[in-house]
């Protein structure tokens, strides 16, 4: 709040600082001993003069209209959609994708143009990128099939792909639960195949080849 007040009329918290306030970017900065936001990013309208302030990055914007600032916890801040558009220009792609997924997970109001893809993890995002790269039909992401939410679904082919990240699927209980779930899905008429993090990230050509074979056979 101190950074916004110090930046003049019309100033709003923005960029990575807004991302932290919305809970879509992890806070990596220690608090300032003086109580002023350390390394805070603030956007001001273009007709407001740029004033240098220690520890504050000032951005001037010609497109900051009255619909884009809002308040969170009493602090003037860019809306989630405007925050993500700013982050898209300033963060590396993996970090932006993670912020977009988190915003979608939190149910924040987002413009459709941002292209939220429904993925909930980096592994899911990488697999979806693999599908795009190899021009597979677009799957439904985190789709409901009966009582289950499956990672990826091709309804016309009756094909489900589940991704096994180590943290979420390690241990005997998870192993047994996954197999029981797969059996129930197969009884419902679906083919279920699983890929691990290692295969998606280190053997993408083999993953694509196997997926193509199964998709083709299921669509005959």
Protein backbone atom coordinates (compact mmCIF):
# COMPACT_ATOMS: atom_id res chain seq x y z
CA UNK A 1 0.00 0.00 0.00
CA UNK A 2 2.86 2.37 0.80
CA UNK A 3 4.24 1.99 -2.73
CA UNK A 4 0.87 2.90 -4.29
CA UNK A 5 0.39 5.94 -2.08
CA UNK A 6 3.91 7.13 -2.81
CA UNK A 7 3.32 6.95 -6.57
CA UNK A 8 0.61 9.56 -6.86
CA UNK A 9 -3.01 9.78 -7.97
CA UNK A 10 -4.33 6.92 -10.07
CA UNK A 11 -1.49 4.57 -9.14
CA UNK A 12 -2.23 0.85 -8.74
CA UNK A 13 -0.17 -2.14 -7.75
CA UNK A 14 0.69 -4.11 -10.91
CA UNK A 15 2.84 -6.73 -12.61
CA UNK A 16 4.50 -9.26 -10.29
CA UNK A 17 3.44 -7.30 -7.19
CA UNK A 18 -0.21 -7.54 -8.25
CA UNK A 19 0.35 -11.22 -9.01
CA UNK A 20 1.57 -11.76 -5.47
CA UNK A 21 -1.41 -9.88 -4.03
CA UNK A 22 -3.85 -12.00 -6.07
CA UNK A 23 -2.05 -15.16 -4.97
CA UNK A 24 -1.04 -16.24 -8.47
CA UNK A 25 2.70 -15.48 -8.18
CA UNK A 26 4.85 -16.74 -5.34
CA UNK A 27 6.32 -13.96 -3.20
CA UNK A 28 10.09 -14.19 -3.49
CA UNK A 29 11.00 -10.84 -1.91
CA UNK A 30 11.78 -10.34 1.78
CA UNK A 31 9.92 -7.52 3.51
CA UNK A 32 11.62 -4.16 3.61
CA UNK A 33 13.00 -3.11 7.02
CA UNK A 34 11.53 0.35 6.43
CA UNK A 35 8.06 -1.03 5.87
CA UNK A 36 7.96 0.09 2.24
CA UNK A 37 7.20 -2.53 -0.42
CA UNK A 38 10.61 -3.78 -1.56
CA UNK A 39 10.89 -3.87 -5.34
CA UNK A 40 7.16 -3.12 -5.74
CA UNK A 41 5.71 -2.61 -9.22
CA UNK A 42 3.18 0.17 -9.67
CA UNK A 43 1.37 1.35 -12.81
CA UNK A 44 0.22 4.95 -13.23
CA UNK A 45 -1.82 6.59 -16.02
CA UNK A 46 0.28 7.99 -18.87
CA UNK A 47 -0.63 11.58 -18.03
CA UNK A 48 0.90 11.25 -14.56
CA UNK A 49 4.53 12.25 -14.43
CA UNK A 50 7.06 9.54 -13.63
CA UNK A 51 8.50 10.10 -10.16
CA UNK A 52 11.42 8.00 -9.05
CA UNK A 53 10.97 6.33 -5.69
CA UNK A 54 13.51 4.04 -4.03
CA UNK A 55 12.41 0.41 -4.25
CA UNK A 56 9.46 1.11 -6.57
CA UNK A 57 9.31 0.29 -10.30
CA UNK A 58 6.93 2.77 -11.96
CA UNK A 59 5.16 1.79 -15.20
CA UNK A 60 3.27 4.38 -17.24
CA UNK A 61 0.31 3.06 -19.22
CA UNK A 62 -1.82 4.52 -22.03
CA UNK A 63 -4.32 1.68 -21.65
CA UNK A 64 -5.05 1.78 -17.90
CA UNK A 65 -8.72 2.74 -18.04
CA UNK A 66 -11.31 2.89 -15.28
CA UNK A 67 -12.33 -0.77 -15.77
CA UNK A 68 -8.90 -2.22 -15.01
CA UNK A 69 -8.02 -0.99 -11.50
CA UNK A 70 -9.84 -2.61 -8.61
CA UNK A 71 -9.12 -3.22 -4.91
CA UNK A 72 -7.96 -6.25 -2.99
CA UNK A 73 -7.52 -6.10 0.77
CA UNK A 74 -8.07 -2.37 0.43
CA UNK A 75 -5.12 -1.92 -1.95
CA UNK A 76 -5.63 -0.44 -5.45
CA UNK A 77 -4.46 -3.13 -7.87
CA UNK A 78 -4.87 -4.16 -11.49
CA UNK A 79 -7.61 -6.71 -12.17
CA UNK A 80 -6.57 -10.36 -12.52
CA UNK A 81 -6.87 -10.17 -16.31
CA UNK A 82 -4.82 -6.98 -16.60
CA UNK A 83 -2.28 -8.43 -14.15
CA UNK A 84 -1.86 -11.52 -16.32
CA UNK A 85 -1.47 -9.46 -19.49
CA UNK A 86 1.33 -7.54 -17.79
CA UNK A 87 2.92 -10.76 -16.54
CA UNK A 88 2.78 -12.29 -20.03
CA UNK A 89 5.12 -9.55 -21.22
CA UNK A 90 7.52 -9.72 -18.29
CA UNK A 91 7.73 -13.30 -16.97
CA UNK A 92 9.37 -16.32 -18.62
CA UNK A 93 6.73 -18.49 -20.31
CA UNK A 94 6.80 -21.32 -17.70
CA UNK A 95 6.23 -18.83 -14.88
CA UNK A 96 3.44 -17.07 -16.75
CA UNK A 97 1.75 -20.40 -17.50
CA UNK A 98 1.93 -21.30 -13.82
CA UNK A 99 0.38 -17.94 -12.86
CA UNK A 100 -2.42 -18.44 -15.40
CA UNK A 101 -3.15 -21.93 -14.09
CA UNK A 102 -3.22 -20.66 -10.51
CA UNK A 103 -5.59 -17.83 -11.41
CA UNK A 104 -7.91 -20.30 -13.09
CA UNK A 105 -7.67 -22.67 -10.10
CA UNK A 106 -8.59 -19.84 -7.71
CA UNK A 107 -11.62 -19.01 -9.83
CA UNK A 108 -10.54 -15.42 -10.51
CA UNK A 109 -12.52 -13.61 -13.25
CA UNK A 110 -10.46 -13.86 -16.45
CA UNK A 111 -10.90 -12.61 -20.00
CA UNK A 112 -11.38 -15.49 -22.49
CA UNK A 113 -8.64 -13.94 -24.65
CA UNK A 114 -6.05 -14.99 -22.08
CA UNK A 115 -6.43 -18.53 -23.35
CA UNK A 116 -6.65 -20.40 -20.05
CA UNK A 117 -6.18 -24.03 -21.03
CA UNK A 118 -7.59 -25.77 -17.96
CA UNK A 119 -4.33 -27.43 -16.92
CA UNK A 120 -3.54 -27.67 -13.21
CA UNK A 121 0.15 -28.54 -13.22
CA UNK A 122 3.33 -28.06 -15.20
CA UNK A 123 3.18 -31.70 -16.30
CA UNK A 124 -0.32 -31.22 -17.72
CA UNK A 125 0.78 -28.02 -19.48
CA UNK A 126 3.76 -29.82 -21.03
CA UNK A 127 1.61 -32.69 -22.23
CA UNK A 128 -0.93 -30.30 -23.77
CA UNK A 129 1.91 -28.46 -25.52
CA UNK A 130 3.11 -31.83 -26.86
CA UNK A 131 -0.37 -32.47 -28.25
CA UNK A 132 -0.39 -29.09 -29.98
CA UNK A 133 3.12 -29.58 -31.35
CA UNK A 134 2.16 -32.92 -32.92
CA UNK A 135 -1.22 -31.60 -34.09
CA UNK A 136 -3.37 -34.09 -32.25
CA UNK A 137 -7.10 -33.37 -31.97
CA UNK A 138 -7.62 -31.06 -29.02
CA UNK A 139 -8.53 -33.05 -25.89
CA UNK A 140 -10.83 -32.00 -23.11
CA UNK A 141 -8.71 -31.08 -20.08
CA UNK A 142 -9.64 -32.20 -16.57
CA UNK A 143 -12.92 -33.54 -17.89
CA UNK A 144 -15.59 -35.36 -15.95
CA UNK A 145 -16.24 -39.00 -16.86
CA UNK A 146 -18.87 -40.52 -14.59
CA UNK A 147 -17.67 -40.02 -11.00
CA UNK A 148 -14.10 -39.21 -12.08
CA UNK A 149 -12.15 -36.17 -13.24
CA UNK A 150 -9.65 -37.38 -15.84
CA UNK A 151 -6.59 -35.46 -16.99
CA UNK A 152 -7.23 -35.60 -20.75
CA UNK A 153 -10.18 -36.99 -22.72
CA UNK A 154 -10.78 -37.57 -26.41
CA UNK A 155 -14.54 -38.33 -26.34
CA UNK A 156 -14.85 -39.43 -29.98
CA UNK A 157 -12.08 -41.98 -29.50
CA UNK A 158 -13.11 -43.01 -26.02
CA UNK A 159 -9.51 -42.37 -24.95
CA UNK A 160 -8.28 -41.08 -21.59
CA UNK A 161 -4.72 -40.07 -20.78
CA UNK A 162 -3.67 -39.85 -17.15
CA UNK A 163 -0.38 -38.27 -16.12
CA UNK A 164 1.55 -39.68 -13.19
CA UNK A 165 3.60 -37.07 -11.38
CA UNK A 166 5.78 -38.61 -8.70
CA UNK A 167 4.51 -36.49 -5.79
CA UNK A 168 0.82 -37.18 -6.45
CA UNK A 169 1.08 -40.84 -7.41
CA UNK A 170 3.84 -42.33 -5.28
CA UNK A 171 3.11 -44.92 -2.64
CA UNK A 172 1.20 -48.16 -2.55
CA UNK A 173 -2.20 -46.61 -1.81
CA UNK A 174 -2.04 -44.29 -4.83
CA UNK A 175 -0.81 -47.15 -7.02
CA UNK A 176 -3.74 -49.38 -6.03
CA UNK A 177 -6.29 -46.54 -6.29
CA UNK A 178 -5.10 -45.61 -9.78
CA UNK A 179 -5.44 -49.21 -11.01
CA UNK A 180 -8.92 -49.57 -9.51
CA UNK A 181 -9.95 -46.32 -11.18
CA UNK A 182 -8.54 -47.46 -14.54
CA UNK A 183 -10.50 -50.70 -14.29
CA UNK A 184 -13.77 -48.88 -13.69
CA UNK A 185 -13.12 -46.54 -16.62
CA UNK A 186 -12.38 -49.49 -18.91
CA UNK A 187 -15.65 -51.15 -17.82
CA UNK A 188 -17.33 -47.89 -18.91
CA UNK A 189 -15.79 -48.35 -22.36
CA UNK A 190 -12.75 -46.08 -22.20
CA UNK A 191 -9.16 -46.88 -23.06
CA UNK A 192 -6.83 -45.49 -20.37
CA UNK A 193 -3.13 -44.90 -20.94
CA UNK A 194 -0.69 -43.36 -18.49
CA UNK A 195 2.45 -41.30 -18.99
CA UNK A 196 4.99 -40.28 -16.37
CA UNK A 197 6.87 -37.00 -15.99
CA UNK A 198 10.04 -38.65 -17.27
CA UNK A 199 8.38 -39.93 -20.42
CA UNK A 200 6.62 -36.65 -21.23
CA UNK A 201 9.73 -34.52 -20.64
CA UNK A 202 12.51 -36.85 -21.80
CA UNK A 203 10.83 -39.09 -24.37
CA UNK A 204 8.25 -36.83 -26.06
CA UNK A 205 8.67 -38.44 -29.51
CA UNK A 206 7.90 -41.88 -28.09
CA UNK A 207 4.90 -40.50 -26.18
CA UNK A 208 3.59 -38.85 -29.34
CA UNK A 209 4.09 -42.00 -31.40
CA UNK A 210 2.26 -44.18 -28.88
CA UNK A 211 -0.57 -41.68 -28.51
CA UNK A 212 -0.97 -41.37 -32.28
CA UNK A 213 -1.19 -45.16 -32.65
CA UNK A 214 -3.86 -45.49 -29.97
CA UNK A 215 -5.88 -42.51 -31.22
CA UNK A 216 -5.82 -43.85 -34.77
CA UNK A 217 -6.91 -47.34 -33.71
CA UNK A 218 -9.72 -46.02 -31.51
CA UNK A 219 -11.10 -43.78 -34.28
CA UNK A 220 -11.40 -46.58 -36.84
